[in-house]
PDB file of all heavy atoms in Angstrom:
ATOM      1  N   GLN A   1      -2.939  16.720  10.939  1.00  0.00           N
ATOM      2  CA  GLN A   1      -2.007  16.098  10.007  1.00  0.00           C
ATOM      3  C   GLN A   1      -1.443  14.809  10.601  1.00  0.00           C
ATOM      4  O   GLN A   1      -0.962  14.795  11.724  1.00  0.00           O
ATOM      5  CB  GLN A   1      -0.845  17.038   9.675  1.00  0.00           C
ATOM      6  CG  GLN A   1       0.171  16.424   8.704  1.00  0.00           C
ATOM      7  CD  GLN A   1       1.363  17.338   8.443  1.00  0.00           C
ATOM      8  OE1 GLN A   1       1.424  18.452   8.965  1.00  0.00           O
ATOM      9  NE2 GLN A   1       2.303  16.873   7.650  1.00  0.00           N
ATOM     10  N   ARG A   2      -1.522  13.738   9.827  1.00  0.00           N
ATOM     11  CA  ARG A   2      -0.892  12.490  10.256  1.00  0.00           C
ATOM     12  C   ARG A   2       0.583  12.573   9.892  1.00  0.00           C
ATOM     13  O   ARG A   2       0.968  12.398   8.744  1.00  0.00           O
ATOM     14  CB  ARG A   2      -1.594  11.293   9.618  1.00  0.00           C
ATOM     15  CG  ARG A   2      -3.011  11.111  10.174  1.00  0.00           C
ATOM     16  CD  ARG A   2      -3.652   9.807   9.758  1.00  0.00           C
ATOM     17  NE  ARG A   2      -4.983   9.685  10.359  1.00  0.00           N
ATOM     18  CZ  ARG A   2      -5.236   9.128  11.544  1.00  0.00           C
ATOM     19  NH1 ARG A   2      -4.226   8.623  12.258  1.00  0.00           N
ATOM     20  NH2 ARG A   2      -6.469   9.071  12.008  1.00  0.00           N
ATOM     21  N   TYR A   3       1.375  12.866  10.896  1.00  0.00           N
ATOM     22  CA  TYR A   3       2.800  13.149  10.710  1.00  0.00           C
ATOM     23  C   TYR A   3       3.612  12.021  11.350  1.00  0.00           C
ATOM     24  O   TYR A   3       3.470  11.744  12.545  1.00  0.00           O
ATOM     25  CB  TYR A   3       3.171  14.492  11.344  1.00  0.00           C
ATOM     26  CG  TYR A   3       4.554  14.974  11.007  1.00  0.00           C
ATOM     27  CD1 TYR A   3       4.760  15.865   9.961  1.00  0.00           C
ATOM     28  CD2 TYR A   3       5.668  14.545  11.725  1.00  0.00           C
ATOM     29  CE1 TYR A   3       6.036  16.317   9.640  1.00  0.00           C
ATOM     30  CE2 TYR A   3       6.946  14.985  11.407  1.00  0.00           C
ATOM     31  CZ  TYR A   3       7.126  15.874  10.366  1.00  0.00           C
ATOM     32  OH  TYR A   3       8.388  16.312  10.047  1.00  0.00           O
ATOM     33  N   PRO A   4       4.482  11.346  10.578  1.00  0.00           N
ATOM     34  CA  PRO A   4       5.245  10.214  11.110  1.00  0.00           C
ATOM     35  C   PRO A   4       6.485  10.669  11.892  1.00  0.00           C
ATOM     36  O   PRO A   4       7.606  10.678  11.375  1.00  0.00           O
ATOM     37  CB  PRO A   4       5.629   9.450   9.843  1.00  0.00           C
ATOM     38  CG  PRO A   4       5.738  10.498   8.798  1.00  0.00           C
ATOM     39  CD  PRO A   4       4.709  11.544   9.132  1.00  0.00           C
ATOM     40  N   PHE A   5       6.286  11.044  13.147  1.00  0.00           N
ATOM     41  CA  PHE A   5       7.409  11.477  13.977  1.00  0.00           C
ATOM     42  C   PHE A   5       8.418  10.338  14.146  1.00  0.00           C
ATOM     43  O   PHE A   5       8.042   9.161  14.232  1.00  0.00           O
ATOM     44  CB  PHE A   5       6.915  11.934  15.350  1.00  0.00           C
ATOM     45  CG  PHE A   5       6.057  13.156  15.306  1.00  0.00           C
ATOM     46  CD1 PHE A   5       4.681  13.066  15.427  1.00  0.00           C
ATOM     47  CD2 PHE A   5       6.623  14.419  15.142  1.00  0.00           C
ATOM     48  CE1 PHE A   5       3.880  14.195  15.387  1.00  0.00           C
ATOM     49  CE2 PHE A   5       5.829  15.556  15.105  1.00  0.00           C
ATOM     50  CZ  PHE A   5       4.453  15.449  15.231  1.00  0.00           C
ATOM     51  N   THR A   6       9.693  10.687  14.216  1.00  0.00           N
ATOM     52  CA  THR A   6      10.739   9.684  14.363  1.00  0.00           C
ATOM     53  C   THR A   6      10.458   8.754  15.536  1.00  0.00           C
ATOM     54  O   THR A   6      10.020   9.190  16.607  1.00  0.00           O
ATOM     55  CB  THR A   6      12.111  10.351  14.529  1.00  0.00           C
ATOM     56  OG1 THR A   6      13.102   9.339  14.665  1.00  0.00           O
ATOM     57  CG2 THR A   6      12.162  11.241  15.752  1.00  0.00           C
ATOM     58  N   GLY A   7      10.691   7.465  15.328  1.00  0.00           N
ATOM     59  CA  GLY A   7      10.444   6.473  16.356  1.00  0.00           C
ATOM     60  C   GLY A   7       9.013   6.007  16.464  1.00  0.00           C
ATOM     61  O   GLY A   7       8.713   5.111  17.252  1.00  0.00           O
ATOM     62  N   SER A   8       8.113   6.603  15.662  1.00  0.00           N
ATOM     63  CA  SER A   8       6.698   6.248  15.740  1.00  0.00           C
ATOM     64  C   SER A   8       6.290   5.436  14.515  1.00  0.00           C
ATOM     65  O   SER A   8       7.112   5.070  13.676  1.00  0.00           O
ATOM     66  CB  SER A   8       5.836   7.507  15.867  1.00  0.00           C
ATOM     67  OG  SER A   8       5.881   8.273  14.668  1.00  0.00           O
ATOM     68  N   VAL A   9       4.989   5.165  14.393  1.00  0.00           N
ATOM     69  CA  VAL A   9       4.474   4.308  13.322  1.00  0.00           C
ATOM     70  C   VAL A   9       4.449   5.053  11.985  1.00  0.00           C
ATOM     71  O   VAL A   9       4.046   6.212  11.919  1.00  0.00           O
ATOM     72  CB  VAL A   9       3.058   3.809  13.671  1.00  0.00           C
ATOM     73  CG1 VAL A   9       2.462   3.001  12.526  1.00  0.00           C
ATOM     74  CG2 VAL A   9       3.100   2.977  14.952  1.00  0.00           C
ATOM     75  N   ASN A  10       4.888   4.360  10.939  1.00  0.00           N
ATOM     76  CA  ASN A  10       4.826   4.891   9.583  1.00  0.00           C
ATOM     77  C   ASN A  10       3.504   4.504   8.912  1.00  0.00           C
ATOM     78  O   ASN A  10       2.777   3.632   9.393  1.00  0.00           O
ATOM     79  CB  ASN A  10       5.964   4.314   8.738  1.00  0.00           C
ATOM     80  CG  ASN A  10       7.230   5.129   8.820  1.00  0.00           C
ATOM     81  OD1 ASN A  10       7.207   6.346   8.681  1.00  0.00           O
ATOM     82  ND2 ASN A  10       8.357   4.463   9.053  1.00  0.00           N
ATOM     83  N   ALA A  11       3.233   5.136   7.789  1.00  0.00           N
ATOM     84  CA  ALA A  11       2.131   4.689   6.941  1.00  0.00           C
ATOM     85  C   ALA A  11       2.435   3.280   6.443  1.00  0.00           C
ATOM     86  O   ALA A  11       3.593   2.920   6.205  1.00  0.00           O
ATOM     87  CB  ALA A  11       1.952   5.637   5.767  1.00  0.00           C
ATOM     88  N   GLU A  12       1.391   2.483   6.277  1.00  0.00           N
ATOM     89  CA  GLU A  12       1.537   1.133   5.738  1.00  0.00           C
ATOM     90  C   GLU A  12       1.293   1.197   4.237  1.00  0.00           C
ATOM     91  O   GLU A  12       0.229   1.644   3.791  1.00  0.00           O
ATOM     92  CB  GLU A  12       0.541   0.197   6.413  1.00  0.00           C
ATOM     93  CG  GLU A  12       0.732  -1.257   6.040  1.00  0.00           C
ATOM     94  CD  GLU A  12      -0.218  -2.172   6.791  1.00  0.00           C
ATOM     95  OE1 GLU A  12       0.130  -2.623   7.891  1.00  0.00           O
ATOM     96  OE2 GLU A  12      -1.333  -2.416   6.260  1.00  0.00           O
ATOM     97  N   VAL A  13       2.265   0.749   3.460  1.00  0.00           N
ATOM     98  CA  VAL A  13       2.203   0.872   2.000  1.00  0.00           C
ATOM     99  C   VAL A  13       2.248  -0.509   1.361  1.00  0.00           C
ATOM    100  O   VAL A  13       3.172  -1.296   1.622  1.00  0.00           O
ATOM    101  CB  VAL A  13       3.363   1.735   1.464  1.00  0.00           C
ATOM    102  CG1 VAL A  13       3.263   1.869  -0.056  1.00  0.00           C
ATOM    103  CG2 VAL A  13       3.352   3.106   2.123  1.00  0.00           C
ATOM    104  N   ASP A  14       1.266  -0.803   0.541  1.00  0.00           N
ATOM    105  CA  ASP A  14       1.249  -2.042  -0.230  1.00  0.00           C
ATOM    106  C   ASP A  14       1.253  -1.690  -1.713  1.00  0.00           C
ATOM    107  O   ASP A  14       0.974  -0.546  -2.101  1.00  0.00           O
ATOM    108  CB  ASP A  14       0.016  -2.882   0.120  1.00  0.00           C
ATOM    109  CG  ASP A  14       0.185  -4.355  -0.229  1.00  0.00           C
ATOM    110  OD1 ASP A  14       1.239  -4.717  -0.797  1.00  0.00           O
ATOM    111  OD2 ASP A  14      -0.736  -5.135   0.055  1.00  0.00           O
ATOM    112  N   LEU A  15       1.574  -2.690  -2.537  1.00  0.00           N
ATOM    113  CA  LEU A  15       1.630  -2.495  -3.981  1.00  0.00           C
ATOM    114  C   LEU A  15       0.657  -3.477  -4.636  1.00  0.00           C
ATOM    115  O   LEU A  15       0.678  -4.683  -4.356  1.00  0.00           O
ATOM    116  CB  LEU A  15       3.052  -2.748  -4.500  1.00  0.00           C
ATOM    117  CG  LEU A  15       3.311  -2.413  -5.975  1.00  0.00           C
ATOM    118  CD1 LEU A  15       3.186  -0.911  -6.223  1.00  0.00           C
ATOM    119  CD2 LEU A  15       4.707  -2.890  -6.386  1.00  0.00           C
ATOM    120  N   GLY A  16      -0.219  -2.947  -5.480  1.00  0.00           N
ATOM    121  CA  GLY A  16      -1.184  -3.775  -6.192  1.00  0.00           C
ATOM    122  C   GLY A  16      -0.910  -3.797  -7.677  1.00  0.00           C
ATOM    123  O   GLY A  16      -0.372  -2.837  -8.240  1.00  0.00           O
ATOM    124  N   LEU A  17      -1.277  -4.902  -8.339  1.00  0.00           N
ATOM    125  CA  LEU A  17      -1.150  -5.031  -9.787  1.00  0.00           C
ATOM    126  C   LEU A  17      -2.543  -5.088 -10.395  1.00  0.00           C
ATOM    127  O   LEU A  17      -3.313  -6.025 -10.152  1.00  0.00           O
ATOM    128  CB  LEU A  17      -0.364  -6.295 -10.147  1.00  0.00           C
ATOM    129  CG  LEU A  17       1.079  -6.364  -9.631  1.00  0.00           C
ATOM    130  CD1 LEU A  17       1.752  -7.653 -10.090  1.00  0.00           C
ATOM    131  CD2 LEU A  17       1.878  -5.156 -10.087  1.00  0.00           C
ATOM    132  N   TYR A  18      -2.869  -4.070 -11.168  1.00  0.00           N
ATOM    133  CA  TYR A  18      -4.181  -3.934 -11.804  1.00  0.00           C
ATOM    134  C   TYR A  18      -4.138  -4.532 -13.198  1.00  0.00           C
ATOM    135  O   TYR A  18      -3.250  -4.224 -14.004  1.00  0.00           O
ATOM    136  CB  TYR A  18      -4.552  -2.452 -11.856  1.00  0.00           C
ATOM    137  CG  TYR A  18      -5.710  -2.105 -12.761  1.00  0.00           C
ATOM    138  CD1 TYR A  18      -7.024  -2.354 -12.370  1.00  0.00           C
ATOM    139  CD2 TYR A  18      -5.487  -1.502 -14.001  1.00  0.00           C
ATOM    140  CE1 TYR A  18      -8.089  -2.014 -13.205  1.00  0.00           C
ATOM    141  CE2 TYR A  18      -6.533  -1.159 -14.828  1.00  0.00           C
ATOM    142  CZ  TYR A  18      -7.833  -1.419 -14.432  1.00  0.00           C
ATOM    143  OH  TYR A  18      -8.884  -1.085 -15.251  1.00  0.00           O
ATOM    144  N   ASP A  19      -5.092  -5.397 -13.475  1.00  0.00           N
ATOM    145  CA  ASP A  19      -5.233  -6.006 -14.801  1.00  0.00           C
ATOM    146  C   ASP A  19      -6.288  -5.217 -15.567  1.00  0.00           C
ATOM    147  O   ASP A  19      -7.472  -5.244 -15.227  1.00  0.00           O
ATOM    148  CB  ASP A  19      -5.647  -7.471 -14.660  1.00  0.00           C
ATOM    149  CG  ASP A  19      -5.666  -8.200 -15.995  1.00  0.00           C
ATOM    150  OD1 ASP A  19      -6.195  -7.641 -16.982  1.00  0.00           O
ATOM    151  OD2 ASP A  19      -5.155  -9.336 -16.050  1.00  0.00           O
ATOM    152  N   ARG A  20      -5.865  -4.519 -16.641  1.00  0.00           N
ATOM    153  CA  ARG A  20      -6.794  -3.633 -17.341  1.00  0.00           C
ATOM    154  C   ARG A  20      -7.904  -4.419 -18.040  1.00  0.00           C
ATOM    155  O   ARG A  20      -9.035  -3.943 -18.170  1.00  0.00           O
ATOM    156  CB  ARG A  20      -6.022  -2.766 -18.343  1.00  0.00           C
ATOM    157  CG  ARG A  20      -6.877  -1.671 -18.977  1.00  0.00           C
ATOM    158  CD  ARG A  20      -6.027  -0.692 -19.763  1.00  0.00           C
ATOM    159  NE  ARG A  20      -5.299  -1.335 -20.835  1.00  0.00           N
ATOM    160  CZ  ARG A  20      -5.815  -1.643 -22.021  1.00  0.00           C
ATOM    161  NH1 ARG A  20      -7.098  -1.373 -22.266  1.00  0.00           N
ATOM    162  NH2 ARG A  20      -5.083  -2.216 -22.951  1.00  0.00           N
ATOM    163  N   ALA A  21      -7.618  -5.640 -18.466  1.00  0.00           N
ATOM    164  CA  ALA A  21      -8.614  -6.426 -19.190  1.00  0.00           C
ATOM    165  C   ALA A  21      -9.745  -6.877 -18.281  1.00  0.00           C
ATOM    166  O   ALA A  21     -10.919  -6.859 -18.665  1.00  0.00           O
ATOM    167  CB  ALA A  21      -7.947  -7.630 -19.846  1.00  0.00           C
ATOM    168  N   THR A  22      -9.406  -7.289 -17.076  1.00  0.00           N
ATOM    169  CA  THR A  22     -10.421  -7.822 -16.157  1.00  0.00           C
ATOM    170  C   THR A  22     -10.868  -6.820 -15.115  1.00  0.00           C
ATOM    171  O   THR A  22     -11.937  -6.982 -14.511  1.00  0.00           O
ATOM    172  CB  THR A  22      -9.879  -9.061 -15.437  1.00  0.00           C
ATOM    173  OG1 THR A  22      -8.774  -8.670 -14.589  1.00  0.00           O
ATOM    174  CG2 THR A  22      -9.400 -10.105 -16.433  1.00  0.00           C
ATOM    175  N   GLY A  23     -10.045  -5.810 -14.855  1.00  0.00           N
ATOM    176  CA  GLY A  23     -10.353  -4.850 -13.798  1.00  0.00           C
ATOM    177  C   GLY A  23      -9.956  -5.339 -12.416  1.00  0.00           C
ATOM    178  O   GLY A  23     -10.192  -4.645 -11.412  1.00  0.00           O
ATOM    179  N   ASP A  24      -9.337  -6.515 -12.335  1.00  0.00           N
ATOM    180  CA  ASP A  24      -8.940  -7.069 -11.037  1.00  0.00           C
ATOM    181  C   ASP A  24      -7.640  -6.439 -10.546  1.00  0.00           C
ATOM    182  O   ASP A  24      -6.783  -6.022 -11.341  1.00  0.00           O
ATOM    183  CB  ASP A  24      -8.746  -8.582 -11.140  1.00  0.00           C
ATOM    184  CG  ASP A  24     -10.040  -9.313 -11.459  1.00  0.00           C
ATOM    185  OD1 ASP A  24     -11.118  -8.758 -11.129  1.00  0.00           O
ATOM    186  OD2 ASP A  24      -9.982 -10.420 -12.032  1.00  0.00           O
ATOM    187  N   VAL A  25      -7.485  -6.413  -9.211  1.00  0.00           N
ATOM    188  CA  VAL A  25      -6.264  -5.934  -8.572  1.00  0.00           C
ATOM    189  C   VAL A  25      -5.740  -7.039  -7.662  1.00  0.00           C
ATOM    190  O   VAL A  25      -6.487  -7.576  -6.832  1.00  0.00           O
ATOM    191  CB  VAL A  25      -6.502  -4.654  -7.751  1.00  0.00           C
ATOM    192  CG1 VAL A  25      -5.205  -4.218  -7.056  1.00  0.00           C
ATOM    193  CG2 VAL A  25      -7.028  -3.536  -8.642  1.00  0.00           C
ATOM    194  N   ARG A  26      -4.477  -7.386  -7.825  1.00  0.00           N
ATOM    195  CA  ARG A  26      -3.841  -8.368  -6.943  1.00  0.00           C
ATOM    196  C   ARG A  26      -2.836  -7.650  -6.055  1.00  0.00           C
ATOM    197  O   ARG A  26      -1.873  -7.063  -6.544  1.00  0.00           O
ATOM    198  CB  ARG A  26      -3.137  -9.448  -7.765  1.00  0.00           C
ATOM    199  CG  ARG A  26      -2.419 -10.496  -6.904  1.00  0.00           C
ATOM    200  CD  ARG A  26      -2.037 -11.699  -7.760  1.00  0.00           C
ATOM    201  NE  ARG A  26      -1.125 -11.360  -8.831  1.00  0.00           N
ATOM    202  CZ  ARG A  26       0.218 -11.385  -8.725  1.00  0.00           C
ATOM    203  NH1 ARG A  26       0.783 -11.712  -7.575  1.00  0.00           N
ATOM    204  NH2 ARG A  26       0.961 -11.094  -9.765  1.00  0.00           N
ATOM    205  N   TRP A  27      -3.064  -7.682  -4.753  1.00  0.00           N
ATOM    206  CA  TRP A  27      -2.175  -7.009  -3.803  1.00  0.00           C
ATOM    207  C   TRP A  27      -1.034  -7.942  -3.410  1.00  0.00           C
ATOM    208  O   TRP A  27      -1.244  -9.131  -3.149  1.00  0.00           O
ATOM    209  CB  TRP A  27      -2.946  -6.547  -2.571  1.00  0.00           C
ATOM    210  CG  TRP A  27      -3.959  -5.497  -2.926  1.00  0.00           C
ATOM    211  CD1 TRP A  27      -5.299  -5.660  -3.090  1.00  0.00           C
ATOM    212  CD2 TRP A  27      -3.678  -4.129  -3.217  1.00  0.00           C
ATOM    213  NE1 TRP A  27      -5.887  -4.477  -3.470  1.00  0.00           N
ATOM    214  CE2 TRP A  27      -4.918  -3.505  -3.545  1.00  0.00           C
ATOM    215  CE3 TRP A  27      -2.524  -3.350  -3.237  1.00  0.00           C
ATOM    216  CZ2 TRP A  27      -5.015  -2.162  -3.884  1.00  0.00           C
ATOM    217  CZ3 TRP A  27      -2.615  -2.012  -3.570  1.00  0.00           C
ATOM    218  CH2 TRP A  27      -3.843  -1.422  -3.892  1.00  0.00           C
ATOM    219  N   LEU A  28       0.182  -7.386  -3.363  1.00  0.00           N
ATOM    220  CA  LEU A  28       1.361  -8.206  -3.109  1.00  0.00           C
ATOM    221  C   LEU A  28       1.589  -8.476  -1.628  1.00  0.00           C
ATOM    222  O   LEU A  28       2.379  -9.355  -1.279  1.00  0.00           O
ATOM    223  CB  LEU A  28       2.607  -7.531  -3.710  1.00  0.00           C
ATOM    224  CG  LEU A  28       2.553  -7.250  -5.216  1.00  0.00           C
ATOM    225  CD1 LEU A  28       3.890  -6.699  -5.689  1.00  0.00           C
ATOM    226  CD2 LEU A  28       2.177  -8.495  -5.996  1.00  0.00           C
ATOM    227  N   GLY A  29       0.936  -7.724  -0.753  1.00  0.00           N
ATOM    228  CA  GLY A  29       1.108  -7.948   0.681  1.00  0.00           C
ATOM    229  C   GLY A  29       2.487  -7.571   1.186  1.00  0.00           C
ATOM    230  O   GLY A  29       3.088  -8.311   1.986  1.00  0.00           O
ATOM    231  N   LEU A  30       3.001  -6.442   0.752  1.00  0.00           N
ATOM    232  CA  LEU A  30       4.365  -6.042   1.133  1.00  0.00           C
ATOM    233  C   LEU A  30       4.551  -5.876   2.640  1.00  0.00           C
ATOM    234  O   LEU A  30       5.589  -6.293   3.170  1.00  0.00           O
ATOM    235  CB  LEU A  30       4.754  -4.748   0.405  1.00  0.00           C
ATOM    236  CG  LEU A  30       4.754  -4.793  -1.127  1.00  0.00           C
ATOM    237  CD1 LEU A  30       5.328  -3.504  -1.690  1.00  0.00           C
ATOM    238  CD2 LEU A  30       5.533  -5.997  -1.646  1.00  0.00           C
ATOM    239  N   PRO A  31       3.615  -5.278   3.382  1.00  0.00           N
ATOM    240  CA  PRO A  31       3.831  -5.136   4.825  1.00  0.00           C
ATOM    241  C   PRO A  31       3.985  -6.486   5.531  1.00  0.00           C
ATOM    242  O   PRO A  31       4.803  -6.614   6.449  1.00  0.00           O
ATOM    243  CB  PRO A  31       2.581  -4.382   5.298  1.00  0.00           C
ATOM    244  CG  PRO A  31       2.099  -3.649   4.096  1.00  0.00           C
ATOM    245  CD  PRO A  31       2.392  -4.571   2.952  1.00  0.00           C
TER     246      PRO A  31
END
């Protein structure tokens, strides 16, 4: 199990915007 113990590295989470008409995804680069 990848468990984020305190003081250690967290999962990296980004948010993408999917365009249903084109099928494209634009990532916002949150990290």
